[in-house]
Amino acid sequence: MLERTDEGVCPYFVVIYCTEQITSLLVNQSTRQLYLIIILNYELCILNCSKSLSLIEEPASK
């Protein structure tokens, strides 16, 4: 199991999780469904990384 070592650091395991989730859904999916899955997972990864980056920037601005 992957663990976070630093609080507020972009969680790279999110990208790994998203990739594994996409791979597990590749079987028996249409092309349109696959594109939607990939786009939604990409947006989820970006959202999680953006939240982590904002946590890093907040203490510096105080």
PDB file of N, CA and C in Angstrom:
ATOM      1  N   MET A   1       0.835  -1.189   0.000  1.00  0.00           N
ATOM      2  CA  MET A   1       0.000   0.000   0.000  1.00  0.00           C
ATOM      3  C   MET A   1       0.881   1.255   0.000  1.00  0.00           C
ATOM      4  N   LEU A   2       0.512   2.214  -0.823  1.00  0.00           N
ATOM      5  CA  LEU A   2       1.285   3.450  -0.909  1.00  0.00           C
ATOM      6  C   LEU A   2       0.851   4.411   0.194  1.00  0.00           C
ATOM      7  N   GLU A   3       1.805   5.112   0.750  1.00  0.00           N
ATOM      8  CA  GLU A   3       1.514   6.070   1.811  1.00  0.00           C
ATOM      9  C   GLU A   3       2.057   7.441   1.447  1.00  0.00           C
ATOM     10  N   ARG A   4       1.400   8.463   1.961  1.00  0.00           N
ATOM     11  CA  ARG A   4       1.896   9.833   1.797  1.00  0.00           C
ATOM     12  C   ARG A   4       2.965  10.093   2.831  1.00  0.00           C
ATOM     13  N   THR A   5       4.070  10.664   2.387  1.00  0.00           N
ATOM     14  CA  THR A   5       5.162  10.936   3.313  1.00  0.00           C
ATOM     15  C   THR A   5       5.164  12.382   3.787  1.00  0.00           C
ATOM     16  N   ASP A   6       4.735  13.319   2.960  1.00  0.00           N
ATOM     17  CA  ASP A   6       4.719  14.738   3.326  1.00  0.00           C
ATOM     18  C   ASP A   6       3.308  15.291   3.186  1.00  0.00           C
ATOM     19  N   GLU A   7       2.843  15.965   4.219  1.00  0.00           N
ATOM     20  CA  GLU A   7       1.528  16.581   4.163  1.00  0.00           C
ATOM     21  C   GLU A   7       1.567  17.764   3.199  1.00  0.00           C
ATOM     22  N   GLY A   8       0.589  17.834   2.302  1.00  0.00           N
ATOM     23  CA  GLY A   8       0.511  18.941   1.364  1.00  0.00           C
ATOM     24  C   GLY A   8       1.277  18.735   0.072  1.00  0.00           C
ATOM     25  N   VAL A   9       1.971  17.623  -0.070  1.00  0.00           N
ATOM     26  CA  VAL A   9       2.704  17.345  -1.304  1.00  0.00           C
ATOM     27  C   VAL A   9       1.754  16.666  -2.278  1.00  0.00           C
ATOM     28  N   CYS A  10       1.874  17.000  -3.552  1.00  0.00           N
ATOM     29  CA  CYS A  10       1.007  16.417  -4.573  1.00  0.00           C
ATOM     30  C   CYS A  10       1.059  14.891  -4.482  1.00  0.00           C
ATOM     31  N   PRO A  11      -0.070  14.239  -4.262  1.00  0.00           N
ATOM     32  CA  PRO A  11      -0.063  12.783  -4.065  1.00  0.00           C
ATOM     33  C   PRO A  11       0.082  12.018  -5.380  1.00  0.00           C
ATOM     34  N   TYR A  12       1.287  11.576  -5.666  1.00  0.00           N
ATOM     35  CA  TYR A  12       1.536  10.872  -6.915  1.00  0.00           C
ATOM     36  C   TYR A  12       0.760   9.565  -6.999  1.00  0.00           C
ATOM     37  N   PHE A  13       0.399   8.986  -5.857  1.00  0.00           N
ATOM     38  CA  PHE A  13      -0.338   7.731  -5.889  1.00  0.00           C
ATOM     39  C   PHE A  13      -1.712   7.908  -6.527  1.00  0.00           C
ATOM     40  N   VAL A  14      -2.239   9.127  -6.574  1.00  0.00           N
ATOM     41  CA  VAL A  14      -3.529   9.374  -7.223  1.00  0.00           C
ATOM     42  C   VAL A  14      -3.429   9.042  -8.701  1.00  0.00           C
ATOM     43  N   VAL A  15      -2.325   9.434  -9.330  1.00  0.00           N
ATOM     44  CA  VAL A  15      -2.120   9.148 -10.749  1.00  0.00           C
ATOM     45  C   VAL A  15      -2.030   7.649 -10.967  1.00  0.00           C
ATOM     46  N   ILE A  16      -1.318   6.955 -10.082  1.00  0.00           N
ATOM     47  CA  ILE A  16      -1.193   5.501 -10.194  1.00  0.00           C
ATOM     48  C   ILE A  16      -2.559   4.855 -10.052  1.00  0.00           C
ATOM     49  N   TYR A  17      -3.341   5.305  -9.083  1.00  0.00           N
ATOM     50  CA  TYR A  17      -4.671   4.754  -8.855  1.00  0.00           C
ATOM     51  C   TYR A  17      -5.551   4.976 -10.076  1.00  0.00           C
ATOM     52  N   CYS A  18      -5.524   6.186 -10.625  1.00  0.00           N
ATOM     53  CA  CYS A  18      -6.340   6.494 -11.797  1.00  0.00           C
ATOM     54  C   CYS A  18      -5.960   5.598 -12.965  1.00  0.00           C
ATOM     55  N   THR A  19      -4.657   5.401 -13.170  1.00  0.00           N
ATOM     56  CA  THR A  19      -4.188   4.566 -14.270  1.00  0.00           C
ATOM     57  C   THR A  19      -4.669   3.131 -14.089  1.00  0.00           C
ATOM     58  N   GLU A  20      -4.589   2.606 -12.873  1.00  0.00           N
ATOM     59  CA  GLU A  20      -5.049   1.244 -12.607  1.00  0.00           C
ATOM     60  C   GLU A  20      -6.556   1.133 -12.793  1.00  0.00           C
ATOM     61  N   GLN A  21      -7.270   2.154 -12.398  1.00  0.00           N
ATOM     62  CA  GLN A  21      -8.721   2.148 -12.542  1.00  0.00           C
ATOM     63  C   GLN A  21      -9.099   2.132 -14.022  1.00  0.00           C
ATOM     64  N   ILE A  22      -8.427   2.946 -14.828  1.00  0.00           N
ATOM     65  CA  ILE A  22      -8.684   2.965 -16.267  1.00  0.00           C
ATOM     66  C   ILE A  22      -8.385   1.601 -16.863  1.00  0.00           C
ATOM     67  N   THR A  23      -7.246   1.021 -16.501  1.00  0.00           N
ATOM     68  CA  THR A  23      -6.846  -0.274 -17.041  1.00  0.00           C
ATOM     69  C   THR A  23      -7.874  -1.343 -16.706  1.00  0.00           C
ATOM     70  N   SER A  24      -8.392  -1.329 -15.488  1.00  0.00           N
ATOM     71  CA  SER A  24      -9.366  -2.344 -15.086  1.00  0.00           C
ATOM     72  C   SER A  24     -10.687  -2.199 -15.839  1.00  0.00           C
ATOM     73  N   LEU A  25     -10.974  -0.998 -16.328  1.00  0.00           N
ATOM     74  CA  LEU A  25     -12.224  -0.768 -17.044  1.00  0.00           C
ATOM     75  C   LEU A  25     -12.096  -0.907 -18.562  1.00  0.00           C
ATOM     76  N   LEU A  26     -10.894  -1.213 -19.036  1.00  0.00           N
ATOM     77  CA  LEU A  26     -10.678  -1.305 -20.477  1.00  0.00           C
ATOM     78  C   LEU A  26     -11.394  -2.496 -21.109  1.00  0.00           C
ATOM     79  N   VAL A  27     -11.610  -3.546 -20.346  1.00  0.00           N
ATOM     80  CA  VAL A  27     -12.212  -4.765 -20.878  1.00  0.00           C
ATOM     81  C   VAL A  27     -13.691  -4.528 -21.172  1.00  0.00           C
ATOM     82  N   ASN A  28     -14.104  -4.878 -22.385  1.00  0.00           N
ATOM     83  CA  ASN A  28     -15.508  -4.807 -22.811  1.00  0.00           C
ATOM     84  C   ASN A  28     -16.107  -3.396 -22.767  1.00  0.00           C
ATOM     85  N   GLN A  29     -15.334  -2.393 -23.081  1.00  0.00           N
ATOM     86  CA  GLN A  29     -15.847  -1.025 -23.114  1.00  0.00           C
ATOM     87  C   GLN A  29     -15.789  -0.490 -24.546  1.00  0.00           C
ATOM     88  N   SER A  30     -16.755   0.334 -24.903  1.00  0.00           N
ATOM     89  CA  SER A  30     -16.733   0.958 -26.215  1.00  0.00           C
ATOM     90  C   SER A  30     -15.724   2.101 -26.215  1.00  0.00           C
ATOM     91  N   THR A  31     -15.339   2.547 -27.388  1.00  0.00           N
ATOM     92  CA  THR A  31     -14.367   3.637 -27.511  1.00  0.00           C
ATOM     93  C   THR A  31     -14.876   4.908 -26.841  1.00  0.00           C
ATOM     94  N   ARG A  32     -16.128   5.234 -27.028  1.00  0.00           N
ATOM     95  CA  ARG A  32     -16.699   6.444 -26.423  1.00  0.00           C
ATOM     96  C   ARG A  32     -16.663   6.356 -24.899  1.00  0.00           C
ATOM     97  N   GLN A  33     -17.002   5.190 -24.354  1.00  0.00           N
ATOM     98  CA  GLN A  33     -16.955   5.008 -22.903  1.00  0.00           C
ATOM     99  C   GLN A  33     -15.525   5.138 -22.388  1.00  0.00           C
ATOM    100  N   LEU A  34     -14.571   4.590 -23.137  1.00  0.00           N
ATOM    101  CA  LEU A  34     -13.173   4.669 -22.718  1.00  0.00           C
ATOM    102  C   LEU A  34     -12.686   6.108 -22.692  1.00  0.00           C
ATOM    103  N   TYR A  35     -13.035   6.889 -23.713  1.00  0.00           N
ATOM    104  CA  TYR A  35     -12.641   8.300 -23.727  1.00  0.00           C
ATOM    105  C   TYR A  35     -13.207   9.025 -22.508  1.00  0.00           C
ATOM    106  N   LEU A  36     -14.470   8.764 -22.187  1.00  0.00           N
ATOM    107  CA  LEU A  36     -15.103   9.411 -21.043  1.00  0.00           C
ATOM    108  C   LEU A  36     -14.409   9.019 -19.742  1.00  0.00           C
ATOM    109  N   ILE A  37     -14.104   7.739 -19.583  1.00  0.00           N
ATOM    110  CA  ILE A  37     -13.412   7.257 -18.380  1.00  0.00           C
ATOM    111  C   ILE A  37     -12.053   7.931 -18.242  1.00  0.00           C
ATOM    112  N   ILE A  38     -11.304   8.001 -19.338  1.00  0.00           N
ATOM    113  CA  ILE A  38      -9.965   8.601 -19.305  1.00  0.00           C
ATOM    114  C   ILE A  38     -10.049  10.084 -18.958  1.00  0.00           C
ATOM    115  N   ILE A  39     -10.977  10.805 -19.585  1.00  0.00           N
ATOM    116  CA  ILE A  39     -11.117  12.242 -19.328  1.00  0.00           C
ATOM    117  C   ILE A  39     -11.512  12.498 -17.875  1.00  0.00           C
ATOM    118  N   LEU A  40     -12.489  11.758 -17.370  1.00  0.00           N
ATOM    119  CA  LEU A  40     -12.939  11.969 -15.994  1.00  0.00           C
ATOM    120  C   LEU A  40     -11.845  11.640 -14.991  1.00  0.00           C
ATOM    121  N   ASN A  41     -11.103  10.577 -15.230  1.00  0.00           N
ATOM    122  CA  ASN A  41     -10.020  10.217 -14.320  1.00  0.00           C
ATOM    123  C   ASN A  41      -8.888  11.229 -14.383  1.00  0.00           C
ATOM    124  N   TYR A  42      -8.606  11.759 -15.579  1.00  0.00           N
ATOM    125  CA  TYR A  42      -7.572  12.782 -15.720  1.00  0.00           C
ATOM    126  C   TYR A  42      -7.966  14.034 -14.928  1.00  0.00           C
ATOM    127  N   GLU A  43      -9.243  14.434 -15.070  1.00  0.00           N
ATOM    128  CA  GLU A  43      -9.718  15.612 -14.342  1.00  0.00           C
ATOM    129  C   GLU A  43      -9.668  15.390 -12.836  1.00  0.00           C
ATOM    130  N   LEU A  44      -9.973  14.176 -12.387  1.00  0.00           N
ATOM    131  CA  LEU A  44      -9.890  13.854 -10.963  1.00  0.00           C
ATOM    132  C   LEU A  44      -8.456  13.979 -10.461  1.00  0.00           C
ATOM    133  N   CYS A  45      -7.514  13.483 -11.232  1.00  0.00           N
ATOM    134  CA  CYS A  45      -6.100  13.570 -10.847  1.00  0.00           C
ATOM    135  C   CYS A  45      -5.645  15.024 -10.769  1.00  0.00           C
ATOM    136  N   ILE A  46      -6.025  15.825 -11.765  1.00  0.00           N
ATOM    137  CA  ILE A  46      -5.650  17.240 -11.785  1.00  0.00           C
ATOM    138  C   ILE A  46      -6.274  17.968 -10.592  1.00  0.00           C
ATOM    139  N   LEU A  47      -7.532  17.668 -10.297  1.00  0.00           N
ATOM    140  CA  LEU A  47      -8.213  18.303  -9.168  1.00  0.00           C
ATOM    141  C   LEU A  47      -7.505  17.981  -7.859  1.00  0.00           C
ATOM    142  N   ASN A  48      -7.154  16.725  -7.648  1.00  0.00           N
ATOM    143  CA  ASN A  48      -6.468  16.328  -6.415  1.00  0.00           C
ATOM    144  C   ASN A  48      -5.097  16.984  -6.299  1.00  0.00           C
ATOM    145  N   CYS A  49      -4.366  17.060  -7.403  1.00  0.00           N
ATOM    146  CA  CYS A  49      -3.045  17.705  -7.379  1.00  0.00           C
ATOM    147  C   CYS A  49      -3.185  19.206  -7.124  1.00  0.00           C
ATOM    148  N   SER A  50      -4.198  19.831  -7.708  1.00  0.00           N
ATOM    149  CA  SER A  50      -4.420  21.267  -7.501  1.00  0.00           C
ATOM    150  C   SER A  50      -4.730  21.567  -6.046  1.00  0.00           C
ATOM    151  N   LYS A  51      -5.539  20.713  -5.411  1.00  0.00           N
ATOM    152  CA  LYS A  51      -5.860  20.906  -3.995  1.00  0.00           C
ATOM    153  C   LYS A  51      -4.600  20.787  -3.150  1.00  0.00           C
ATOM    154  N   SER A  52      -3.757  19.825  -3.473  1.00  0.00           N
ATOM    155  CA  SER A  52      -2.517  19.639  -2.712  1.00  0.00           C
ATOM    156  C   SER A  52      -1.587  20.828  -2.890  1.00  0.00           C
ATOM    157  N   LEU A  53      -1.501  21.343  -4.114  1.00  0.00           N
ATOM    158  CA  LEU A  53      -0.637  22.495  -4.365  1.00  0.00           C
ATOM    159  C   LEU A  53      -1.141  23.733  -3.627  1.00  0.00           C
ATOM    160  N   SER A  54      -2.458  23.891  -3.531  1.00  0.00           N
ATOM    161  CA  SER A  54      -2.994  25.050  -2.811  1.00  0.00           C
ATOM    162  C   SER A  54      -2.668  24.960  -1.326  1.00  0.00           C
ATOM    163  N   LEU A  55      -2.587  23.745  -0.794  1.00  0.00           N
ATOM    164  CA  LEU A  55      -2.206  23.577   0.612  1.00  0.00           C
ATOM    165  C   LEU A  55      -0.754  23.988   0.840  1.00  0.00           C
ATOM    166  N   ILE A  56       0.087  23.770  -0.163  1.00  0.00           N
ATOM    167  CA  ILE A  56       1.498  24.146  -0.059  1.00  0.00           C
ATOM    168  C   ILE A  56       1.639  25.666  -0.092  1.00  0.00           C
ATOM    169  N   GLU A  57       0.858  26.332  -0.954  1.00  0.00           N
ATOM    170  CA  GLU A  57       0.985  27.772  -1.151  1.00  0.00           C
ATOM    171  C   GLU A  57       0.393  28.579   0.003  1.00  0.00           C
ATOM    172  N   GLU A  58      -0.652  28.084   0.669  1.00  0.00           N
ATOM    173  CA  GLU A  58      -1.319  28.840   1.733  1.00  0.00           C
ATOM    174  C   GLU A  58      -0.389  29.240   2.873  1.00  0.00           C
ATOM    175  N   PRO A  59       0.372  28.325   3.462  1.00  0.00           N
ATOM    176  CA  PRO A  59       1.249  28.731   4.571  1.00  0.00           C
ATOM    177  C   PRO A  59       2.303  29.766   4.167  1.00  0.00           C
ATOM    178  N   ALA A  60       2.764  29.713   2.925  1.00  0.00           N
ATOM    179  CA  ALA A  60       3.790  30.649   2.465  1.00  0.00           C
ATOM    180  C   ALA A  60       3.240  32.071   2.362  1.00  0.00           C
ATOM    181  N   SER A  61       1.941  32.210   2.087  1.00  0.00           N
ATOM    182  CA  SER A  61       1.357  33.544   1.912  1.00  0.00           C
ATOM    183  C   SER A  61       1.020  34.214   3.238  1.00  0.00           C
ATOM    184  N   LYS A  62       1.041  33.468   4.346  1.00  0.00           N
ATOM    185  CA  LYS A  62       0.699  34.046   5.659  1.00  0.00           C
ATOM    186  C   LYS A  62       1.862  34.778   6.272  1.00  0.00           C
TER     187      LYS A  62
END
